[in-house]
């Protein structure tokens, strides 16, 4: 599979390149990114170099579709469809601390979801979202994207340091209207 470039009103989503390494390295120093994602901890510049190389391999093998998200040419985060196969994928993302709160995540993720479900994209039957219990910002974003909360899985997630944590799971189908629904973990 060849990398696909997606554009929104404010963003360009394209394959990560060597020019992104320093920005990825800097963003991944954020303790929340290391706590709530699978990035290695501690995160070195070599990890960023390896990530760019692996993201290219994932596109080529068709196992993952990962985009660098840029606003005015500046890397703001990364979003991807992971574990591709059998018509399913998992949405994953992070935004650099400096670019949170501007709607970039939901704008980028909407473009990725639209592409994932489309006939011009992957024609997925389901996209799931998972996050460490307590990652409220990620849960709020997933709910805003229209995901339906499906429950909590015990010790189902592992971060980059190998620590296991309980995980929330939600799903989205192409037929869902994407209107935010009540989530018991957010509406309590």
C-alpha atoms as a PDB file:
ATOM      1  CA  UNK A   1       0.000   0.000   0.000  1.00  0.00           C
ATOM      2  CA  UNK A   2       1.311   3.448  -0.865  1.00  0.00           C
ATOM      3  CA  UNK A   3       1.136   6.333   1.636  1.00  0.00           C
ATOM      4  CA  UNK A   4      -1.886   8.572   1.167  1.00  0.00           C
ATOM      5  CA  UNK A   5      -1.919  12.309   1.865  1.00  0.00           C
ATOM      6  CA  UNK A   6      -5.085  13.689   3.457  1.00  0.00           C
ATOM      7  CA  UNK A   7      -5.967  17.366   3.750  1.00  0.00           C
ATOM      8  CA  UNK A   8      -8.448  19.257   5.880  1.00  0.00           C
ATOM      9  CA  UNK A   9      -9.152  22.971   6.113  1.00  0.00           C
ATOM     10  CA  UNK A  10      -6.175  23.509   8.427  1.00  0.00           C
ATOM     11  CA  UNK A  11      -4.088  20.358   8.281  1.00  0.00           C
ATOM     12  CA  UNK A  12      -2.042  18.131   6.042  1.00  0.00           C
ATOM     13  CA  UNK A  13      -1.659  14.478   6.985  1.00  0.00           C
ATOM     14  CA  UNK A  14       1.178  12.705   5.216  1.00  0.00           C
ATOM     15  CA  UNK A  15       3.858  10.115   5.813  1.00  0.00           C
ATOM     16  CA  UNK A  16       6.418  10.996   8.444  1.00  0.00           C
ATOM     17  CA  UNK A  17       9.839  11.828   7.011  1.00  0.00           C
ATOM     18  CA  UNK A  18      13.360  12.304   8.307  1.00  0.00           C
ATOM     19  CA  UNK A  19      12.544  16.021   8.565  1.00  0.00           C
ATOM     20  CA  UNK A  20      10.030  15.143  11.332  1.00  0.00           C
ATOM     21  CA  UNK A  21      12.483  13.268  13.570  1.00  0.00           C
ATOM     22  CA  UNK A  22      13.429  16.205  15.807  1.00  0.00           C
ATOM     23  CA  UNK A  23       9.797  17.294  16.265  1.00  0.00           C
ATOM     24  CA  UNK A  24       8.710  13.721  17.052  1.00  0.00           C
ATOM     25  CA  UNK A  25      11.584  13.342  19.511  1.00  0.00           C
ATOM     26  CA  UNK A  26      10.690  16.621  21.244  1.00  0.00           C
ATOM     27  CA  UNK A  27       6.969  15.816  21.438  1.00  0.00           C
ATOM     28  CA  UNK A  28       7.587  12.346  22.843  1.00  0.00           C
ATOM     29  CA  UNK A  29       9.435  13.769  25.846  1.00  0.00           C
ATOM     30  CA  UNK A  30       5.957  14.610  27.195  1.00  0.00           C
ATOM     31  CA  UNK A  31       5.277  12.352  30.209  1.00  0.00           C
ATOM     32  CA  UNK A  32       1.620  11.966  29.155  1.00  0.00           C
ATOM     33  CA  UNK A  33       2.590  10.643  25.715  1.00  0.00           C
ATOM     34  CA  UNK A  34       4.962   8.178  27.370  1.00  0.00           C
ATOM     35  CA  UNK A  35       2.345   7.185  29.956  1.00  0.00           C
ATOM     36  CA  UNK A  36      -0.661   6.802  27.674  1.00  0.00           C
ATOM     37  CA  UNK A  37       0.857   5.495  24.418  1.00  0.00           C
ATOM     38  CA  UNK A  38       3.190   2.728  23.364  1.00  0.00           C
ATOM     39  CA  UNK A  39       6.191   5.009  22.709  1.00  0.00           C
ATOM     40  CA  UNK A  40       9.325   3.822  24.510  1.00  0.00           C
ATOM     41  CA  UNK A  41      10.169   5.426  27.833  1.00  0.00           C
ATOM     42  CA  UNK A  42      12.615   7.024  28.085  1.00  0.00           C
ATOM     43  CA  UNK A  43      12.279   8.210  24.482  1.00  0.00           C
ATOM     44  CA  UNK A  44      15.506   8.839  22.564  1.00  0.00           C
ATOM     45  CA  UNK A  45      16.181  10.476  19.212  1.00  0.00           C
ATOM     46  CA  UNK A  46      17.011   7.004  17.838  1.00  0.00           C
ATOM     47  CA  UNK A  47      13.448   5.966  18.701  1.00  0.00           C
ATOM     48  CA  UNK A  48      12.140   8.790  16.511  1.00  0.00           C
ATOM     49  CA  UNK A  49      14.442   7.757  13.646  1.00  0.00           C
ATOM     50  CA  UNK A  50      13.233   4.156  14.015  1.00  0.00           C
ATOM     51  CA  UNK A  51       9.586   5.252  14.140  1.00  0.00           C
ATOM     52  CA  UNK A  52       9.869   7.089  10.808  1.00  0.00           C
ATOM     53  CA  UNK A  53      11.495   4.037   9.193  1.00  0.00           C
ATOM     54  CA  UNK A  54       8.917   1.631  10.639  1.00  0.00           C
ATOM     55  CA  UNK A  55       5.992   3.855   9.616  1.00  0.00           C
ATOM     56  CA  UNK A  56       7.231   3.615   6.028  1.00  0.00           C
ATOM     57  CA  UNK A  57       7.449  -0.181   6.331  1.00  0.00           C
ATOM     58  CA  UNK A  58       3.931  -0.337   7.790  1.00  0.00           C
ATOM     59  CA  UNK A  59       2.518   1.508   4.785  1.00  0.00           C
ATOM     60  CA  UNK A  60       4.404  -0.798   2.401  1.00  0.00           C
ATOM     61  CA  UNK A  61       3.241  -3.980   4.162  1.00  0.00           C
ATOM     62  CA  UNK A  62      -0.327  -2.728   4.620  1.00  0.00           C
ATOM     63  CA  UNK A  63      -0.289  -3.448   8.356  1.00  0.00           C
ATOM     64  CA  UNK A  64      -0.696   0.162   9.482  1.00  0.00           C
ATOM     65  CA  UNK A  65      -1.436   3.560   8.001  1.00  0.00           C
ATOM     66  CA  UNK A  66       0.270   6.288  10.005  1.00  0.00           C
ATOM     67  CA  UNK A  67       0.291  10.006   9.286  1.00  0.00           C
ATOM     68  CA  UNK A  68       2.293  12.944  10.575  1.00  0.00           C
ATOM     69  CA  UNK A  69      -0.183  15.769  11.217  1.00  0.00           C
ATOM     70  CA  UNK A  70       1.015  19.225  10.204  1.00  0.00           C
ATOM     71  CA  UNK A  71      -0.476  22.699  10.594  1.00  0.00           C
ATOM     72  CA  UNK A  72       1.253  25.354   8.477  1.00  0.00           C
ATOM     73  CA  UNK A  73       4.101  22.886   7.920  1.00  0.00           C
ATOM     74  CA  UNK A  74       4.688  22.305  11.660  1.00  0.00           C
ATOM     75  CA  UNK A  75       4.288  18.790  13.071  1.00  0.00           C
ATOM     76  CA  UNK A  76       1.465  18.815  15.620  1.00  0.00           C
ATOM     77  CA  UNK A  77       1.062  15.084  16.196  1.00  0.00           C
ATOM     78  CA  UNK A  78       0.623  11.634  14.742  1.00  0.00           C
ATOM     79  CA  UNK A  79      -2.536   9.682  13.939  1.00  0.00           C
ATOM     80  CA  UNK A  80      -2.903   6.214  12.517  1.00  0.00           C
ATOM     81  CA  UNK A  81      -4.981   3.163  11.797  1.00  0.00           C
ATOM     82  CA  UNK A  82      -3.235   0.212  13.399  1.00  0.00           C
ATOM     83  CA  UNK A  83      -3.636  -3.563  13.312  1.00  0.00           C
ATOM     84  CA  UNK A  84      -5.159  -3.498   9.840  1.00  0.00           C
ATOM     85  CA  UNK A  85      -6.677  -6.767   8.716  1.00  0.00           C
ATOM     86  CA  UNK A  86      -9.998  -8.470   8.296  1.00  0.00           C
ATOM     87  CA  UNK A  87     -11.814  -5.184   7.767  1.00  0.00           C
ATOM     88  CA  UNK A  88     -10.914  -3.816  11.202  1.00  0.00           C
ATOM     89  CA  UNK A  89      -8.455  -1.229  12.513  1.00  0.00           C
ATOM     90  CA  UNK A  90      -7.592   0.562  15.707  1.00  0.00           C
ATOM     91  CA  UNK A  91      -7.345   4.349  15.788  1.00  0.00           C
ATOM     92  CA  UNK A  92      -4.349   5.689  17.662  1.00  0.00           C
ATOM     93  CA  UNK A  93      -3.079   9.223  18.098  1.00  0.00           C
ATOM     94  CA  UNK A  94      -1.068  11.737  20.053  1.00  0.00           C
ATOM     95  CA  UNK A  95      -0.741  15.502  19.846  1.00  0.00           C
ATOM     96  CA  UNK A  96       2.224  17.508  21.073  1.00  0.00           C
ATOM     97  CA  UNK A  97       1.477  19.420  24.264  1.00  0.00           C
ATOM     98  CA  UNK A  98       1.796  22.774  22.466  1.00  0.00           C
ATOM     99  CA  UNK A  99      -0.867  21.803  19.925  1.00  0.00           C
ATOM    100  CA  UNK A 100      -3.563  20.384  22.214  1.00  0.00           C
ATOM    101  CA  UNK A 101      -6.816  22.250  22.646  1.00  0.00           C
ATOM    102  CA  UNK A 102      -6.990  23.623  19.091  1.00  0.00           C
ATOM    103  CA  UNK A 103      -9.203  20.901  17.590  1.00  0.00           C
ATOM    104  CA  UNK A 104      -6.344  19.502  15.495  1.00  0.00           C
ATOM    105  CA  UNK A 105      -6.785  15.971  16.846  1.00  0.00           C
ATOM    106  CA  UNK A 106     -10.472  15.616  16.035  1.00  0.00           C
ATOM    107  CA  UNK A 107      -9.978  17.305  12.657  1.00  0.00           C
ATOM    108  CA  UNK A 108      -7.144  14.940  11.718  1.00  0.00           C
ATOM    109  CA  UNK A 109      -8.832  11.839  13.134  1.00  0.00           C
ATOM    110  CA  UNK A 110     -12.064  12.632  11.282  1.00  0.00           C
ATOM    111  CA  UNK A 111     -10.141  12.702   7.998  1.00  0.00           C
ATOM    112  CA  UNK A 112      -8.480   9.373   8.837  1.00  0.00           C
ATOM    113  CA  UNK A 113     -11.777   7.751   9.840  1.00  0.00           C
ATOM    114  CA  UNK A 114     -13.499   9.032   6.688  1.00  0.00           C
ATOM    115  CA  UNK A 115     -10.683   7.579   4.568  1.00  0.00           C
ATOM    116  CA  UNK A 116     -10.696   4.300   6.498  1.00  0.00           C
ATOM    117  CA  UNK A 117     -14.396   3.745   5.887  1.00  0.00           C
ATOM    118  CA  UNK A 118     -14.447   5.015   2.273  1.00  0.00           C
ATOM    119  CA  UNK A 119     -14.367   3.013  -0.934  1.00  0.00           C
ATOM    120  CA  UNK A 120     -11.305   5.065  -1.937  1.00  0.00           C
ATOM    121  CA  UNK A 121      -9.638   4.035   1.321  1.00  0.00           C
ATOM    122  CA  UNK A 122      -9.803   0.764   3.218  1.00  0.00           C
ATOM    123  CA  UNK A 123     -13.584   0.121   3.322  1.00  0.00           C
ATOM    124  CA  UNK A 124     -13.285  -0.882   6.965  1.00  0.00           C
ATOM    125  CA  UNK A 125     -16.201  -2.516   8.752  1.00  0.00           C
ATOM    126  CA  UNK A 126     -15.108  -1.315  12.204  1.00  0.00           C
ATOM    127  CA  UNK A 127     -12.622   1.019  13.822  1.00  0.00           C
ATOM    128  CA  UNK A 128     -11.913   0.624  17.492  1.00  0.00           C
ATOM    129  CA  UNK A 129     -10.315   2.943  20.012  1.00  0.00           C
ATOM    130  CA  UNK A 130      -8.561   1.898  23.198  1.00  0.00           C
ATOM    131  CA  UNK A 131      -6.955   3.954  25.943  1.00  0.00           C
ATOM    132  CA  UNK A 132      -5.544   3.488  29.407  1.00  0.00           C
ATOM    133  CA  UNK A 133      -8.253   3.928  32.034  1.00  0.00           C
ATOM    134  CA  UNK A 134      -8.020   7.521  33.211  1.00  0.00           C
ATOM    135  CA  UNK A 135      -6.873   9.014  29.887  1.00  0.00           C
ATOM    136  CA  UNK A 136      -9.779  11.438  29.870  1.00  0.00           C
ATOM    137  CA  UNK A 137      -8.508  13.707  27.052  1.00  0.00           C
ATOM    138  CA  UNK A 138      -8.278  10.741  24.672  1.00  0.00           C
ATOM    139  CA  UNK A 139     -11.711   9.518  25.759  1.00  0.00           C
ATOM    140  CA  UNK A 140     -13.225  12.958  25.171  1.00  0.00           C
ATOM    141  CA  UNK A 141     -11.713  13.046  21.682  1.00  0.00           C
ATOM    142  CA  UNK A 142     -12.996   9.551  20.855  1.00  0.00           C
ATOM    143  CA  UNK A 143     -16.494  10.452  22.061  1.00  0.00           C
ATOM    144  CA  UNK A 144     -16.405  13.661  19.980  1.00  0.00           C
ATOM    145  CA  UNK A 145     -15.506  11.512  16.958  1.00  0.00           C
ATOM    146  CA  UNK A 146     -18.649   9.434  17.519  1.00  0.00           C
ATOM    147  CA  UNK A 147     -17.142   6.303  19.050  1.00  0.00           C
ATOM    148  CA  UNK A 148     -19.496   4.217  21.194  1.00  0.00           C
ATOM    149  CA  UNK A 149     -18.108   3.249  24.602  1.00  0.00           C
ATOM    150  CA  UNK A 150     -18.051  -0.537  24.940  1.00  0.00           C
ATOM    151  CA  UNK A 151     -16.417  -1.158  28.303  1.00  0.00           C
ATOM    152  CA  UNK A 152     -13.269  -1.734  30.299  1.00  0.00           C
ATOM    153  CA  UNK A 153     -10.782  -4.522  29.680  1.00  0.00           C
ATOM    154  CA  UNK A 154      -8.639  -5.613  32.600  1.00  0.00           C
ATOM    155  CA  UNK A 155      -4.832  -5.404  32.135  1.00  0.00           C
ATOM    156  CA  UNK A 156      -5.328  -5.219  28.364  1.00  0.00           C
ATOM    157  CA  UNK A 157      -2.914  -2.428  27.462  1.00  0.00           C
ATOM    158  CA  UNK A 158       0.831  -2.103  27.725  1.00  0.00           C
ATOM    159  CA  UNK A 159       2.748   1.166  27.485  1.00  0.00           C
ATOM    160  CA  UNK A 160       6.200   1.624  25.985  1.00  0.00           C
ATOM    161  CA  UNK A 161       7.843   0.696  29.282  1.00  0.00           C
ATOM    162  CA  UNK A 162       5.932  -2.607  29.338  1.00  0.00           C
ATOM    163  CA  UNK A 163       3.621  -1.726  32.248  1.00  0.00           C
ATOM    164  CA  UNK A 164       0.143  -3.239  31.996  1.00  0.00           C
ATOM    165  CA  UNK A 165      -2.978  -1.183  32.621  1.00  0.00           C
ATOM    166  CA  UNK A 166      -6.717  -1.577  32.403  1.00  0.00           C
ATOM    167  CA  UNK A 167      -8.078  -0.192  29.161  1.00  0.00           C
ATOM    168  CA  UNK A 168     -11.222   1.450  27.911  1.00  0.00           C
ATOM    169  CA  UNK A 169     -12.539   0.315  24.540  1.00  0.00           C
ATOM    170  CA  UNK A 170     -14.960   1.934  22.110  1.00  0.00           C
ATOM    171  CA  UNK A 171     -16.026   1.194  18.554  1.00  0.00           C
ATOM    172  CA  UNK A 172     -17.218   2.995  15.460  1.00  0.00           C
ATOM    173  CA  UNK A 173     -19.036   1.502  12.480  1.00  0.00           C
ATOM    174  CA  UNK A 174     -19.503   3.118   9.067  1.00  0.00           C
ATOM    175  CA  UNK A 175     -23.259   3.248   9.711  1.00  0.00           C
ATOM    176  CA  UNK A 176     -22.878   5.181  12.997  1.00  0.00           C
ATOM    177  CA  UNK A 177     -24.008   8.796  12.740  1.00  0.00           C
ATOM    178  CA  UNK A 178     -20.976   9.970  14.751  1.00  0.00           C
ATOM    179  CA  UNK A 179     -23.085  12.018  17.115  1.00  0.00           C
ATOM    180  CA  UNK A 180     -21.382  11.958  20.524  1.00  0.00           C
ATOM    181  CA  UNK A 181     -23.124   9.455  22.767  1.00  0.00           C
ATOM    182  CA  UNK A 182     -23.140   9.218  26.564  1.00  0.00           C
ATOM    183  CA  UNK A 183     -20.037   7.550  27.977  1.00  0.00           C
ATOM    184  CA  UNK A 184     -20.410   6.360  31.566  1.00  0.00           C
ATOM    185  CA  UNK A 185     -16.730   7.094  32.298  1.00  0.00           C
ATOM    186  CA  UNK A 186     -17.130  10.706  31.171  1.00  0.00           C
ATOM    187  CA  UNK A 187     -20.699  11.464  32.197  1.00  0.00           C
ATOM    188  CA  UNK A 188     -20.448  10.201  35.786  1.00  0.00           C
END
